[in-house]
Amino acid sequence: MENQNNNPEDHNDSIENIEARHAEDPNKPHKPIEHDYAKHEADPGPSPQAVEEYNDKGAGPVMKWLIPVLIVILLICWFIFRK
């Protein structure tokens, strides 16, 4: 995507300036799901797909089984090698 702004001052944004512009206030309520992107193009809310998508490939199910197994293995090793 090409930057359409020809002002040279805007091309040298530092990371701090970019983060300051995009910081969210944790005390403000979340934006509602966007249904009319063209109307709110400057500051849209999340898309319905992003909010309602089921995520079954995340790290949660793996960690749910991996952490207890590692704890049991470490406890067994600790009981064997503690002397």
Protein backbone atom coordinates (compact mmCIF):
# COMPACT_ATOMS: atom_id res chain seq x y z
CA MET A 1 0.00 0.00 0.00
CA GLU A 2 1.47 3.29 -1.04
CA ASN A 3 1.41 6.34 1.19
CA GLN A 4 -0.64 9.03 -0.57
CA ASN A 5 0.55 11.84 1.71
CA ASN A 6 3.29 13.93 0.11
CA ASN A 7 4.23 15.82 3.28
CA PRO A 8 7.85 14.85 4.13
CA GLU A 9 7.31 15.52 7.83
CA ASP A 10 4.74 12.72 8.02
CA HIS A 11 7.11 10.14 6.51
CA ASN A 12 9.44 10.26 9.53
CA ASP A 13 7.02 9.09 12.22
CA SER A 14 8.84 7.54 15.12
CA ILE A 15 7.62 4.41 16.86
CA GLU A 16 6.60 6.47 19.90
CA ASN A 17 4.39 8.74 17.78
CA ILE A 18 2.75 5.79 16.05
CA GLU A 19 2.10 4.01 19.36
CA ALA A 20 0.72 7.20 20.89
CA ARG A 21 -1.74 7.63 18.04
CA HIS A 22 -2.92 4.01 18.23
CA ALA A 23 -3.04 3.60 22.01
CA GLU A 24 -6.35 2.43 23.42
CA ASP A 25 -7.73 3.59 26.72
CA PRO A 26 -8.52 0.51 28.85
CA ASN A 27 -11.29 2.44 30.64
CA LYS A 28 -13.26 3.10 27.46
CA PRO A 29 -15.81 0.50 26.31
CA HIS A 30 -14.96 -1.67 23.33
CA LYS A 31 -16.05 -0.55 19.89
CA PRO A 32 -19.16 -2.28 18.58
CA ILE A 33 -18.94 -4.75 15.71
CA GLU A 34 -18.68 -2.89 12.41
CA HIS A 35 -21.62 -3.26 10.03
CA ASP A 36 -21.07 -0.23 7.77
CA TYR A 37 -17.35 0.03 7.03
CA ALA A 38 -17.74 2.77 4.41
CA LYS A 39 -19.47 5.04 6.92
CA HIS A 40 -16.78 4.55 9.63
CA GLU A 41 -13.76 4.03 7.40
CA ALA A 42 -11.58 6.45 9.38
CA ASP A 43 -12.13 4.61 12.69
CA PRO A 44 -13.87 1.25 12.16
CA GLY A 45 -14.77 -1.31 14.76
CA PRO A 46 -13.88 -5.00 14.48
CA SER A 47 -15.44 -7.08 11.74
CA PRO A 48 -18.07 -9.70 12.63
CA GLN A 49 -15.74 -12.46 11.40
CA ALA A 50 -12.98 -11.36 13.78
CA VAL A 51 -15.30 -11.36 16.79
CA GLU A 52 -17.36 -14.50 16.11
CA GLU A 53 -14.67 -16.77 14.64
CA TYR A 54 -14.20 -20.05 16.53
CA ASN A 55 -10.53 -20.66 17.28
CA ASP A 56 -9.81 -24.36 17.74
CA LYS A 57 -6.19 -24.16 16.61
CA GLY A 58 -4.88 -21.94 19.39
CA ALA A 59 -2.25 -22.76 21.96
CA GLY A 60 -4.81 -23.27 24.75
CA PRO A 61 -5.72 -26.92 24.06
CA VAL A 62 -2.06 -27.88 23.67
CA MET A 63 -1.00 -26.09 26.86
CA LYS A 64 -3.89 -27.69 28.77
CA TRP A 65 -2.28 -31.11 28.21
CA LEU A 66 1.39 -30.18 27.94
CA ILE A 67 1.80 -28.39 31.28
CA PRO A 68 0.38 -31.18 33.51
CA VAL A 69 2.45 -33.83 31.67
CA LEU A 70 5.62 -31.76 32.11
CA ILE A 71 4.87 -31.24 35.81
CA VAL A 72 4.43 -34.99 36.34
CA ILE A 73 7.67 -35.74 34.47
CA LEU A 74 9.57 -33.13 36.49
CA LEU A 75 8.16 -34.46 39.76
CA ILE A 76 9.23 -38.00 38.85
CA CYS A 77 12.73 -36.77 37.97
CA TRP A 78 12.92 -34.76 41.19
CA PHE A 79 11.94 -37.80 43.32
CA ILE A 80 14.50 -39.98 41.52
CA PHE A 81 17.47 -37.58 41.50
CA ARG A 82 17.03 -35.59 44.72
CA LYS A 83 19.54 -37.69 46.70
